[in-house]
Amino acid sequence: MSESDRKVTRRQFLTYTLTGVGGFMAASMLMPMVRAALDPILKQEAGTDMVAVARISDITNDPKRFDFKIKQVDAWYKSDEPKSAWVYKNESGDIVALSPVCKHLGCTVNWNGDTAHPNQYFCPCHGGRYEKSGINIPNTPPLAPLDVYESMLKDGTLYLGKAKPHGGGK
């Protein structure tokens, strides 16, 4: 090869330079957008910790509604989300915490909300009914039992976590 074959022409130099600068500018503009799009996916999910809800001495055999708040993180937005639970002691003395969200269309159920059907959870939206244990009553709109909160007892206090599907509906 001769020396003239190795020389870069002015046109090639400008092409290489402009391509490199353009690529650098494009990468510097795209990287923040890619980072913003992938950051929520790459972050570890903030697990719902157990939240203190009630003193064990306040829990009776009849379901009682307790309101509490959990810390929630949606991407960069942090908030306190209000939650509720129907809490009672069953026949064996175990504490049961049920979600008040009806499994039909997401309305809120009430204990003893229907005088025609005492000692049941009642959904006023579409007439859904549940037994005290949270099991849906056959031939009513809900197709699944109420969700059950994870619970923990510590130092005389009831702590609740995430609501999980109830085992075995009718």
Protein backbone atom coordinates (compact mmCIF):
# COMPACT_ATOMS: atom_id res chain seq x y z
CA MET A 1 0.00 0.00 0.00
CA SER A 2 1.19 3.40 -0.79
CA GLU A 3 1.00 6.32 1.55
CA SER A 4 -1.77 7.95 -0.50
CA ASP A 5 -4.01 4.90 0.06
CA ARG A 6 -3.80 5.30 3.86
CA LYS A 7 -4.71 8.98 3.95
CA VAL A 8 -8.18 9.94 5.08
CA THR A 9 -9.86 12.33 2.74
CA ARG A 10 -11.52 15.47 3.97
CA ARG A 11 -14.93 14.00 3.12
CA GLN A 12 -14.22 10.77 5.08
CA PHE A 13 -12.96 12.77 8.07
CA LEU A 14 -16.13 14.89 8.18
CA THR A 15 -18.31 11.79 7.76
CA TYR A 16 -16.57 9.96 10.64
CA THR A 17 -16.61 13.05 12.86
CA LEU A 18 -20.26 13.91 12.26
CA THR A 19 -21.33 10.28 12.69
CA GLY A 20 -19.47 10.04 16.00
CA VAL A 21 -20.79 13.35 17.32
CA GLY A 22 -24.34 12.51 16.18
CA GLY A 23 -24.18 9.09 17.80
CA PHE A 24 -22.91 10.60 21.06
CA MET A 25 -25.70 13.22 21.05
CA ALA A 26 -28.37 10.60 20.32
CA ALA A 27 -27.08 8.33 23.10
CA SER A 28 -26.97 11.23 25.58
CA MET A 29 -30.62 12.04 24.80
CA LEU A 30 -31.86 8.44 24.82
CA MET A 31 -30.13 7.21 27.98
CA PRO A 32 -32.22 9.32 30.42
CA MET A 33 -35.42 8.17 28.67
CA VAL A 34 -34.36 4.52 28.81
CA ARG A 35 -33.35 4.92 32.46
CA ALA A 36 -36.72 6.52 33.33
CA ALA A 37 -38.61 3.76 31.56
CA LEU A 38 -36.69 0.88 33.16
CA ASP A 39 -36.05 2.28 36.65
CA PRO A 40 -39.41 1.25 38.19
CA ILE A 41 -38.99 -2.26 36.77
CA LEU A 42 -35.46 -2.64 38.11
CA LYS A 43 -36.24 -1.37 41.60
CA GLN A 44 -37.01 -3.99 44.19
CA GLU A 45 -40.64 -4.07 45.17
CA ALA A 46 -41.14 -2.48 48.54
CA GLY A 47 -42.89 -5.25 50.42
CA THR A 48 -45.79 -4.30 52.58
CA ASP A 49 -44.50 -4.52 56.10
CA MET A 50 -46.73 -5.50 58.95
CA VAL A 51 -48.68 -2.53 60.29
CA ALA A 52 -49.96 -2.16 63.85
CA VAL A 53 -53.75 -2.20 63.67
CA ALA A 54 -55.30 -2.90 67.06
CA ARG A 55 -54.65 -3.97 70.61
CA ILE A 56 -55.52 -7.62 71.14
CA SER A 57 -57.68 -6.67 74.13
CA ASP A 58 -59.95 -4.66 71.77
CA ILE A 59 -60.74 -7.71 69.61
CA THR A 60 -63.97 -9.58 70.42
CA ASN A 61 -65.89 -12.56 69.04
CA ASP A 62 -68.00 -10.21 66.90
CA PRO A 63 -66.28 -8.70 63.86
CA LYS A 64 -65.16 -5.14 64.40
CA ARG A 65 -63.88 -2.81 61.70
CA PHE A 66 -60.38 -1.39 62.15
CA ASP A 67 -58.98 1.30 59.84
CA PHE A 68 -55.23 1.65 59.25
CA LYS A 69 -52.77 3.03 56.70
CA ILE A 70 -49.98 1.35 54.79
CA LYS A 71 -47.02 3.00 53.12
CA GLN A 72 -47.25 2.52 49.36
CA VAL A 73 -44.64 3.25 46.69
CA ASP A 74 -45.74 3.62 43.06
CA ALA A 75 -42.56 4.20 41.05
CA TRP A 76 -41.42 7.52 42.55
CA TYR A 77 -44.66 8.44 44.33
CA LYS A 78 -44.85 7.56 48.01
CA SER A 79 -48.16 7.71 49.85
CA ASP A 80 -50.12 6.40 52.81
CA GLU A 81 -53.00 4.28 51.53
CA PRO A 82 -56.01 3.86 53.84
CA LYS A 83 -57.11 0.25 54.43
CA SER A 84 -59.71 -1.49 56.59
CA ALA A 85 -60.13 -4.93 58.08
CA TRP A 86 -62.92 -6.83 59.80
CA VAL A 87 -61.23 -8.47 62.78
CA TYR A 88 -62.63 -11.00 65.27
CA LYS A 89 -61.71 -14.04 67.37
CA ASN A 90 -63.07 -17.34 66.05
CA GLU A 91 -64.35 -20.23 68.17
CA SER A 92 -60.84 -21.59 68.78
CA GLY A 93 -59.59 -18.16 69.93
CA ASP A 94 -57.55 -17.42 66.78
CA ILE A 95 -57.70 -13.90 65.41
CA VAL A 96 -59.11 -13.58 61.88
CA ALA A 97 -58.69 -10.41 59.80
CA LEU A 98 -60.79 -10.16 56.63
CA SER A 99 -60.64 -7.62 53.82
CA PRO A 100 -63.89 -5.65 53.48
CA VAL A 101 -63.64 -5.63 49.67
CA CYS A 102 -66.45 -7.64 48.05
CA LYS A 103 -65.20 -10.17 45.51
CA HIS A 104 -68.09 -9.41 43.16
CA LEU A 105 -67.38 -5.83 42.07
CA GLY A 106 -65.15 -4.40 44.81
CA CYS A 107 -67.74 -2.66 46.99
CA THR A 108 -67.27 -2.52 50.76
CA VAL A 109 -69.05 -5.14 52.87
CA ASN A 110 -70.49 -4.46 56.32
CA TRP A 111 -71.06 -6.78 59.25
CA ASN A 112 -74.78 -7.11 60.09
CA GLY A 113 -75.57 -4.67 57.28
CA ASP A 114 -78.78 -6.50 56.31
CA THR A 115 -81.49 -7.00 58.94
CA ALA A 116 -82.98 -9.89 56.94
CA HIS A 117 -79.70 -11.82 57.25
CA PRO A 118 -78.11 -11.22 60.67
CA ASN A 119 -74.57 -12.27 61.56
CA GLN A 120 -73.35 -12.06 57.98
CA TYR A 121 -71.26 -9.67 55.93
CA PHE A 122 -73.48 -7.85 53.46
CA CYS A 123 -72.58 -5.95 50.30
CA PRO A 124 -75.18 -3.23 49.73
CA CYS A 125 -74.30 -2.77 46.03
CA HIS A 126 -75.65 -6.05 44.68
CA GLY A 127 -76.84 -8.00 47.72
CA GLY A 128 -73.72 -10.14 48.16
CA ARG A 129 -73.47 -12.05 51.43
CA TYR A 130 -70.67 -13.81 53.30
CA GLU A 131 -70.56 -15.98 56.41
CA LYS A 132 -68.69 -14.75 59.48
CA SER A 133 -65.62 -16.69 58.31
CA GLY A 134 -65.62 -14.75 55.03
CA ILE A 135 -66.89 -17.64 52.90
CA ASN A 136 -69.30 -16.48 50.21
CA ILE A 137 -72.87 -17.72 50.54
CA PRO A 138 -74.05 -19.78 47.53
CA ASN A 139 -76.53 -18.21 45.10
CA THR A 140 -75.39 -14.67 45.92
CA PRO A 141 -73.32 -12.51 43.53
CA PRO A 142 -69.80 -13.02 44.98
CA LEU A 143 -68.00 -15.98 43.45
CA ALA A 144 -65.11 -16.10 45.94
CA PRO A 145 -64.56 -15.65 49.69
CA LEU A 146 -63.27 -12.44 51.21
CA ASP A 147 -59.49 -12.09 51.26
CA VAL A 148 -57.66 -12.75 54.53
CA TYR A 149 -54.91 -10.47 55.84
CA GLU A 150 -51.59 -11.93 56.95
CA SER A 151 -51.45 -11.33 60.68
CA MET A 152 -48.95 -11.36 63.51
CA LEU A 153 -49.40 -10.91 67.26
CA LYS A 154 -46.63 -9.17 69.16
CA ASP A 155 -46.55 -7.43 72.54
CA GLY A 156 -50.34 -7.31 72.82
CA THR A 157 -50.79 -5.76 69.38
CA LEU A 158 -52.24 -7.14 66.15
CA TYR A 159 -50.15 -6.46 63.04
CA LEU A 160 -51.55 -6.94 59.54
CA GLY A 161 -49.75 -7.38 56.21
CA LYS A 162 -50.99 -8.10 52.71
CA ALA A 163 -54.44 -9.51 51.95
CA LYS A 164 -54.28 -12.99 50.43
CA PRO A 165 -57.05 -15.06 48.83
CA HIS A 166 -59.10 -17.05 51.33
CA GLY A 167 -58.63 -20.82 51.08
CA GLY A 168 -61.48 -22.82 49.58
CA GLY A 169 -64.65 -20.98 48.64
CA LYS A 170 -68.08 -22.53 48.19
